[in-house]
Structure formats: structure tokens, C-alpha cells
Amino acid sequence: EFDITIKDKKGTENVVADHLLRLTTESSFGTTPIIDYFSDESLFSATLIPWFANIVNFLATGAMPSEWSSQDKKEVFK
């Protein structure tokens, strides 16, 4: 669809990018199998409600949780 020609001049403007493009590396892609199972998968699950959940629910609905003490209410309305 497009007829475009890109010309890049070697210079001091993008020294790092220019250097990285010229590096040669030995490719190890495809030699290590991808593991689909993570043994520590349960470590990434949340079992407790975050401390800010009641505040977020209050801001979204305007209803104060019944378990809030008067001190908790004062802290929110500072």
C-alpha cells in the first residue's frame, strides 16, 4: 500500500540503539521448551481482602460498612 524508503545515518544521535543493532548474539531460541505449568501458581492468589477495599466500596457506593468504628469514620473524613 505504501511506497516508503527509510534512510538512517550513523551518528551520535542514537549511539546506544545503533550499537545494539550491530551486536551479534548466538540465538538459543527454540532450544529450551516452554513450561506451561507453574508450581508456585497458588502464591499468586489473594486470600485476604485488601485493607483499602472498604474505602473503595464506600467511595463507589456511599454506604459505610457496618464494622467501621467511629475512629475509622473520622480517619476517612479527615
Protein backbone atom coordinates (compact mmCIF):
# COMPACT_ATOMS: atom_id res chain seq x y z
CA GLU A 1 0.00 0.00 0.00
CA PHE A 2 2.80 2.40 0.84
CA ASP A 3 5.91 3.28 -1.09
CA ILE A 4 8.33 4.38 1.62
CA THR A 5 12.10 4.47 1.88
CA ILE A 6 13.80 4.86 5.25
CA LYS A 7 17.39 6.09 5.33
CA ASP A 8 19.30 6.06 8.61
CA LYS A 9 22.58 7.86 9.09
CA LYS A 10 25.11 6.51 11.55
CA GLY A 11 25.89 9.25 14.00
CA THR A 12 25.94 10.41 17.58
CA GLU A 13 22.20 10.86 17.99
CA ASN A 14 21.31 7.22 18.74
CA VAL A 15 24.64 5.71 19.72
CA VAL A 16 23.19 3.06 22.06
CA ALA A 17 20.48 1.95 19.65
CA ASP A 18 22.98 1.92 16.80
CA HIS A 19 25.37 -0.23 18.84
CA LEU A 20 22.64 -2.66 19.93
CA LEU A 21 21.51 -3.17 16.36
CA ARG A 22 25.01 -4.15 15.33
CA LEU A 23 25.53 -6.73 18.12
CA THR A 24 25.60 -10.35 17.08
CA THR A 25 24.30 -12.94 19.53
CA GLU A 26 24.03 -16.66 19.43
CA SER A 27 20.37 -17.49 19.24
CA SER A 28 19.15 -20.03 21.79
CA PHE A 29 15.54 -19.58 20.71
CA GLY A 30 13.77 -22.88 20.35
CA THR A 31 16.24 -24.95 22.35
CA THR A 32 14.52 -24.56 25.74
CA PRO A 33 10.97 -25.92 26.00
CA ILE A 34 8.26 -23.65 27.34
CA ILE A 35 6.82 -24.86 30.64
CA ASP A 36 3.05 -24.36 30.81
CA TYR A 37 2.72 -25.39 34.46
CA PHE A 38 3.84 -23.11 37.29
CA SER A 39 4.47 -24.92 40.56
CA ASP A 40 4.05 -21.71 42.57
CA GLU A 41 0.75 -20.77 40.97
CA SER A 42 -1.02 -20.69 44.34
CA LEU A 43 1.38 -17.99 45.52
CA PHE A 44 -0.24 -15.54 43.14
CA SER A 45 -3.74 -15.83 44.58
CA ALA A 46 -5.12 -13.31 47.06
CA THR A 47 -6.71 -14.85 50.13
CA LEU A 48 -7.30 -11.69 52.18
CA ILE A 49 -9.38 -8.66 51.31
CA PRO A 50 -7.04 -5.67 50.84
CA TRP A 51 -7.07 -3.06 53.61
CA PHE A 52 -8.43 -0.42 51.23
CA ALA A 53 -11.39 -2.47 49.95
CA ASN A 54 -13.87 -0.92 52.41
CA ILE A 55 -12.72 2.58 51.46
CA VAL A 56 -13.09 1.85 47.74
CA ASN A 57 -16.55 0.37 48.30
CA PHE A 58 -17.54 3.44 50.35
CA LEU A 59 -16.33 5.81 47.63
CA ALA A 60 -18.18 3.83 44.96
CA THR A 61 -21.49 3.36 46.78
CA GLY A 62 -21.55 5.98 49.54
CA ALA A 63 -22.58 3.32 52.10
CA MET A 64 -20.40 2.97 55.19
CA PRO A 65 -19.52 -0.57 56.27
CA SER A 66 -21.24 -1.59 59.50
CA GLU A 67 -17.96 -2.82 61.00
CA TRP A 68 -16.38 0.66 60.87
CA SER A 69 -15.80 2.22 64.27
CA SER A 70 -16.21 5.93 64.88
CA GLN A 71 -12.41 6.22 64.69
CA ASP A 72 -12.42 4.59 61.24
CA LYS A 73 -15.07 7.06 60.07
CA LYS A 74 -13.01 10.00 61.37
CA GLU A 75 -9.93 8.73 59.51
CA VAL A 76 -11.81 8.60 56.21
CA PHE A 77 -13.28 12.10 56.53
CA LYS A 78 -10.04 13.91 57.54
